[in-house]
Amino acid sequence: MRILAIAIFSFFSILSVLIYLTKNYQYEKYVLVNKDSSKKLYMINLNLATWHDFASLPGIGDELAKTIIQDREDQGRFDKVSDILRVKGIGDKKFKQIEEYLTLKV
């Protein structure tokens, strides 16, 4: 009886950990293979990304990354990828640089 109780407890413990990991990591990042198969394209979700995620994009430093996060907190979620143009410091040229790395899909 005790062995059965331990087995059931272990099963549900492992199941709980797997559910937790699935929920917490499924929205983080998406990895897609670009046309050039030697290069991986990392996409970040505009509404879930951290300042560190934004800072890792080409042409976006720490300060602009923090500005993006602040804009998202003040103005609300981005409805489309091009909404990032509302952020002070991101113009058409910078948007073209980072557009391929941005998504809203979960």
N, C-alpha and C. Protein backbone atom coordinates (compact mmCIF):
# COMPACT_ATOMS: atom_id res chain seq x y z
N MET A 1 0.82 -1.19 0.00
CA MET A 1 0.00 0.00 0.00
C MET A 1 0.87 1.26 0.00
N ARG A 2 1.94 1.21 0.80
CA ARG A 2 2.83 2.37 0.88
C ARG A 2 3.53 2.60 -0.45
N ILE A 3 3.92 1.54 -1.14
CA ILE A 3 4.60 1.66 -2.43
C ILE A 3 3.65 2.28 -3.45
N LEU A 4 2.40 1.89 -3.42
CA LEU A 4 1.40 2.47 -4.33
C LEU A 4 1.23 3.96 -4.07
N ALA A 5 1.20 4.36 -2.83
CA ALA A 5 1.05 5.77 -2.47
C ALA A 5 2.26 6.57 -2.97
N ILE A 6 3.46 6.01 -2.82
CA ILE A 6 4.67 6.68 -3.29
C ILE A 6 4.66 6.80 -4.80
N ALA A 7 4.23 5.76 -5.49
CA ALA A 7 4.17 5.77 -6.96
C ALA A 7 3.18 6.82 -7.45
N ILE A 8 2.03 6.90 -6.82
CA ILE A 8 1.01 7.89 -7.22
C ILE A 8 1.53 9.30 -6.95
N PHE A 9 2.13 9.51 -5.79
CA PHE A 9 2.69 10.82 -5.46
C PHE A 9 3.76 11.21 -6.47
N SER A 10 4.64 10.29 -6.82
CA SER A 10 5.71 10.57 -7.78
C SER A 10 5.14 10.92 -9.15
N PHE A 11 4.16 10.16 -9.58
CA PHE A 11 3.54 10.40 -10.87
C PHE A 11 2.95 11.82 -10.95
N PHE A 12 2.19 12.22 -9.94
CA PHE A 12 1.58 13.54 -9.96
C PHE A 12 2.60 14.66 -9.78
N SER A 13 3.67 14.38 -9.06
CA SER A 13 4.74 15.37 -8.92
C SER A 13 5.41 15.64 -10.27
N ILE A 14 5.73 14.58 -10.97
CA ILE A 14 6.36 14.72 -12.29
C ILE A 14 5.39 15.39 -13.26
N LEU A 15 4.14 15.01 -13.23
CA LEU A 15 3.13 15.63 -14.09
C LEU A 15 3.00 17.12 -13.81
N SER A 16 3.01 17.50 -12.55
CA SER A 16 2.92 18.91 -12.19
C SER A 16 4.11 19.71 -12.71
N VAL A 17 5.30 19.16 -12.59
CA VAL A 17 6.50 19.84 -13.09
C VAL A 17 6.42 19.99 -14.60
N LEU A 18 5.99 18.97 -15.31
CA LEU A 18 5.88 19.05 -16.76
C LEU A 18 4.85 20.10 -17.19
N ILE A 19 3.75 20.16 -16.52
CA ILE A 19 2.73 21.16 -16.83
C ILE A 19 3.28 22.56 -16.57
N TYR A 20 3.95 22.73 -15.45
CA TYR A 20 4.54 24.03 -15.13
C TYR A 20 5.54 24.47 -16.20
N LEU A 21 6.43 23.57 -16.59
CA LEU A 21 7.43 23.91 -17.59
C LEU A 21 6.79 24.22 -18.94
N THR A 22 5.78 23.48 -19.31
CA THR A 22 5.10 23.71 -20.58
C THR A 22 4.45 25.08 -20.61
N LYS A 23 3.77 25.45 -19.55
CA LYS A 23 3.08 26.75 -19.51
C LYS A 23 4.06 27.91 -19.48
N ASN A 24 5.19 27.75 -18.82
CA ASN A 24 6.12 28.86 -18.68
C ASN A 24 7.07 29.03 -19.85
N TYR A 25 7.28 28.03 -20.63
CA TYR A 25 8.26 28.14 -21.71
C TYR A 25 7.66 28.15 -23.10
N GLN A 26 6.40 27.89 -23.26
CA GLN A 26 5.84 27.82 -24.60
C GLN A 26 5.71 29.18 -25.27
N TYR A 27 5.71 30.26 -24.49
CA TYR A 27 5.54 31.58 -25.07
C TYR A 27 6.83 32.38 -25.15
N GLU A 28 7.91 31.85 -24.68
CA GLU A 28 9.15 32.62 -24.60
C GLU A 28 9.69 33.04 -25.96
N LYS A 29 10.16 32.10 -26.75
CA LYS A 29 10.77 32.44 -28.03
C LYS A 29 10.43 31.37 -29.05
N TYR A 30 10.51 31.76 -30.27
CA TYR A 30 10.29 30.83 -31.36
C TYR A 30 11.56 30.80 -32.18
N VAL A 31 11.97 29.63 -32.59
CA VAL A 31 13.16 29.51 -33.42
C VAL A 31 12.72 29.00 -34.78
N LEU A 32 12.99 29.79 -35.79
CA LEU A 32 12.63 29.42 -37.14
C LEU A 32 13.89 29.33 -37.98
N VAL A 33 13.88 28.48 -38.95
CA VAL A 33 15.03 28.39 -39.84
C VAL A 33 14.81 29.37 -40.99
N ASN A 34 15.78 30.23 -41.18
CA ASN A 34 15.71 31.22 -42.25
C ASN A 34 15.98 30.54 -43.59
N LYS A 35 15.81 31.26 -44.70
CA LYS A 35 16.09 30.69 -46.01
C LYS A 35 17.52 30.18 -46.10
N ASP A 36 18.44 30.89 -45.46
CA ASP A 36 19.82 30.45 -45.37
C ASP A 36 19.86 29.48 -44.19
N SER A 37 19.92 28.19 -44.45
CA SER A 37 19.79 27.19 -43.39
C SER A 37 20.91 27.24 -42.37
N SER A 38 21.99 27.96 -42.63
CA SER A 38 23.07 28.07 -41.66
C SER A 38 22.77 29.13 -40.61
N LYS A 39 21.75 29.95 -40.83
CA LYS A 39 21.42 31.03 -39.92
C LYS A 39 20.07 30.75 -39.27
N LYS A 40 20.01 30.85 -37.97
CA LYS A 40 18.74 30.71 -37.26
C LYS A 40 18.17 32.08 -36.99
N LEU A 41 16.90 32.19 -37.09
CA LEU A 41 16.21 33.46 -36.86
C LEU A 41 15.41 33.33 -35.57
N TYR A 42 15.78 34.11 -34.57
CA TYR A 42 15.08 34.08 -33.30
C TYR A 42 14.03 35.16 -33.29
N MET A 43 12.80 34.77 -33.02
CA MET A 43 11.72 35.73 -33.00
C MET A 43 11.28 35.95 -31.57
N ILE A 44 10.95 37.19 -31.27
CA ILE A 44 10.45 37.50 -29.94
C ILE A 44 9.04 38.07 -30.05
N ASN A 45 8.24 37.76 -29.07
CA ASN A 45 6.87 38.23 -29.02
C ASN A 45 6.87 39.63 -28.41
N LEU A 46 6.37 40.61 -29.14
CA LEU A 46 6.38 42.00 -28.69
C LEU A 46 5.69 42.20 -27.34
N ASN A 47 4.66 41.44 -27.08
CA ASN A 47 3.89 41.62 -25.86
C ASN A 47 4.39 40.80 -24.68
N LEU A 48 5.37 39.93 -24.92
CA LEU A 48 5.89 39.09 -23.84
C LEU A 48 7.39 39.26 -23.61
N ALA A 49 8.07 39.92 -24.53
CA ALA A 49 9.52 40.04 -24.45
C ALA A 49 9.97 40.91 -23.28
N THR A 50 11.13 40.57 -22.75
CA THR A 50 11.75 41.35 -21.68
C THR A 50 12.66 42.39 -22.31
N TRP A 51 13.17 43.30 -21.51
CA TRP A 51 14.09 44.31 -22.05
C TRP A 51 15.34 43.63 -22.58
N HIS A 52 15.73 42.53 -21.97
CA HIS A 52 16.92 41.79 -22.43
C HIS A 52 16.68 41.23 -23.82
N ASP A 53 15.48 40.73 -24.08
CA ASP A 53 15.13 40.22 -25.40
C ASP A 53 15.23 41.33 -26.45
N PHE A 54 14.66 42.49 -26.13
CA PHE A 54 14.71 43.61 -27.06
C PHE A 54 16.15 44.09 -27.27
N ALA A 55 16.92 44.13 -26.20
CA ALA A 55 18.31 44.61 -26.29
C ALA A 55 19.16 43.70 -27.16
N SER A 56 18.75 42.46 -27.34
CA SER A 56 19.52 41.52 -28.16
C SER A 56 19.26 41.71 -29.66
N LEU A 57 18.28 42.52 -30.01
CA LEU A 57 17.98 42.78 -31.42
C LEU A 57 19.01 43.73 -32.02
N PRO A 58 19.28 43.60 -33.33
CA PRO A 58 20.25 44.49 -33.96
C PRO A 58 19.80 45.95 -33.91
N GLY A 59 20.70 46.82 -33.46
CA GLY A 59 20.41 48.24 -33.43
C GLY A 59 19.61 48.71 -32.22
N ILE A 60 19.24 47.79 -31.33
CA ILE A 60 18.49 48.15 -30.13
C ILE A 60 19.42 47.94 -28.93
N GLY A 61 19.68 48.99 -28.22
CA GLY A 61 20.52 48.89 -27.02
C GLY A 61 19.68 48.80 -25.77
N ASP A 62 20.35 48.89 -24.63
CA ASP A 62 19.66 48.79 -23.35
C ASP A 62 18.62 49.90 -23.16
N GLU A 63 19.00 51.12 -23.50
CA GLU A 63 18.10 52.25 -23.27
C GLU A 63 16.84 52.16 -24.15
N LEU A 64 17.03 51.85 -25.42
CA LEU A 64 15.87 51.74 -26.31
C LEU A 64 15.00 50.55 -25.91
N ALA A 65 15.62 49.48 -25.45
CA ALA A 65 14.86 48.31 -24.98
C ALA A 65 13.99 48.70 -23.80
N LYS A 66 14.55 49.47 -22.88
CA LYS A 66 13.77 49.92 -21.73
C LYS A 66 12.64 50.87 -22.16
N THR A 67 12.91 51.67 -23.18
CA THR A 67 11.89 52.58 -23.71
C THR A 67 10.73 51.78 -24.32
N ILE A 68 11.05 50.69 -25.00
CA ILE A 68 10.00 49.83 -25.59
C ILE A 68 9.13 49.24 -24.48
N ILE A 69 9.78 48.74 -23.43
CA ILE A 69 9.03 48.15 -22.31
C ILE A 69 8.15 49.22 -21.65
N GLN A 70 8.71 50.41 -21.44
CA GLN A 70 7.95 51.50 -20.82
C GLN A 70 6.74 51.89 -21.68
N ASP A 71 6.94 51.95 -22.99
CA ASP A 71 5.84 52.27 -23.90
C ASP A 71 4.75 51.21 -23.80
N ARG A 72 5.15 49.95 -23.76
CA ARG A 72 4.18 48.86 -23.67
C ARG A 72 3.39 48.96 -22.36
N GLU A 73 4.05 49.34 -21.27
CA GLU A 73 3.36 49.48 -19.99
C GLU A 73 2.41 50.69 -20.01
N ASP A 74 2.85 51.79 -20.63
CA ASP A 74 2.05 53.02 -20.66
C ASP A 74 0.91 52.95 -21.67
N GLN A 75 1.18 52.49 -22.88
CA GLN A 75 0.22 52.51 -23.99
C GLN A 75 -0.57 51.22 -24.14
N GLY A 76 -0.11 50.14 -23.53
CA GLY A 76 -0.79 48.86 -23.66
C GLY A 76 -0.15 47.98 -24.71
N ARG A 77 -0.74 46.83 -24.90
CA ARG A 77 -0.21 45.81 -25.80
C ARG A 77 -0.09 46.33 -27.23
N PHE A 78 0.79 45.68 -27.98
CA PHE A 78 0.92 45.95 -29.40
C PHE A 78 -0.10 45.07 -30.13
N ASP A 79 -0.87 45.66 -31.03
CA ASP A 79 -1.87 44.91 -31.78
C ASP A 79 -1.31 44.34 -33.08
N LYS A 80 -0.31 45.01 -33.62
CA LYS A 80 0.38 44.51 -34.81
C LYS A 80 1.85 44.87 -34.68
N VAL A 81 2.68 44.16 -35.40
CA VAL A 81 4.12 44.34 -35.29
C VAL A 81 4.53 45.78 -35.58
N SER A 82 3.90 46.39 -36.55
CA SER A 82 4.26 47.77 -36.91
C SER A 82 3.92 48.78 -35.82
N ASP A 83 3.16 48.38 -34.81
CA ASP A 83 2.86 49.28 -33.69
C ASP A 83 4.12 49.70 -32.93
N ILE A 84 5.20 48.96 -33.11
CA ILE A 84 6.44 49.32 -32.42
C ILE A 84 6.98 50.65 -32.93
N LEU A 85 6.49 51.08 -34.07
CA LEU A 85 6.88 52.39 -34.62
C LEU A 85 6.42 53.55 -33.73
N ARG A 86 5.47 53.30 -32.85
CA ARG A 86 5.01 54.36 -31.94
C ARG A 86 6.04 54.67 -30.86
N VAL A 87 7.01 53.80 -30.68
CA VAL A 87 8.04 53.98 -29.67
C VAL A 87 9.05 55.03 -30.15
N LYS A 88 9.30 56.02 -29.30
CA LYS A 88 10.26 57.07 -29.64
C LYS A 88 11.64 56.42 -29.78
N GLY A 89 12.27 56.67 -30.91
CA GLY A 89 13.59 56.09 -31.17
C GLY A 89 13.56 54.99 -32.21
N ILE A 90 12.35 54.57 -32.59
CA ILE A 90 12.23 53.55 -33.63
C ILE A 90 11.52 54.17 -34.82
N GLY A 91 12.28 54.33 -35.89
CA GLY A 91 11.74 54.86 -37.13
C GLY A 91 11.68 53.76 -38.18
N ASP A 92 11.38 54.16 -39.39
CA ASP A 92 11.25 53.18 -40.48
C ASP A 92 12.53 52.38 -40.69
N LYS A 93 13.68 53.04 -40.64
CA LYS A 93 14.95 52.36 -40.89
C LYS A 93 15.22 51.29 -39.83
N LYS A 94 15.07 51.63 -38.56
CA LYS A 94 15.30 50.68 -37.49
C LYS A 94 14.25 49.57 -37.52
N PHE A 95 13.01 49.93 -37.86
CA PHE A 95 11.95 48.93 -37.95
C PHE A 95 12.29 47.88 -39.01
N LYS A 96 12.79 48.31 -40.15
CA LYS A 96 13.18 47.37 -41.21
C LYS A 96 14.28 46.42 -40.72
N GLN A 97 15.17 46.95 -39.86
CA GLN A 97 16.26 46.15 -39.31
C GLN A 97 15.76 45.03 -38.40
N ILE A 98 14.71 45.30 -37.62
CA ILE A 98 14.29 44.35 -36.59
C ILE A 98 12.99 43.62 -36.91
N GLU A 99 12.30 44.04 -37.96
CA GLU A 99 10.98 43.49 -38.27
C GLU A 99 10.97 41.97 -38.36
N GLU A 100 11.99 41.39 -38.97
CA GLU A 100 12.01 39.93 -39.15
C GLU A 100 12.16 39.16 -37.84
N TYR A 101 12.52 39.85 -36.77
CA TYR A 101 12.69 39.21 -35.47
C TYR A 101 11.46 39.32 -34.57
N LEU A 102 10.45 40.04 -35.01
CA LEU A 102 9.30 40.35 -34.16
C LEU A 102 8.06 39.56 -34.57
N THR A 103 7.28 39.18 -33.57
CA THR A 103 6.03 38.47 -33.80
C THR A 103 5.05 38.81 -32.70
N LEU A 104 3.80 38.51 -32.91
CA LEU A 104 2.77 38.62 -31.89
C LEU A 104 2.14 37.26 -31.60
N LYS A 105 2.53 36.28 -32.36
CA LYS A 105 1.96 34.93 -32.21
C LYS A 105 2.43 34.29 -30.93
N VAL A 106 1.56 33.49 -30.35
CA VAL A 106 1.92 32.77 -29.12
C VAL A 106 2.03 31.32 -29.39
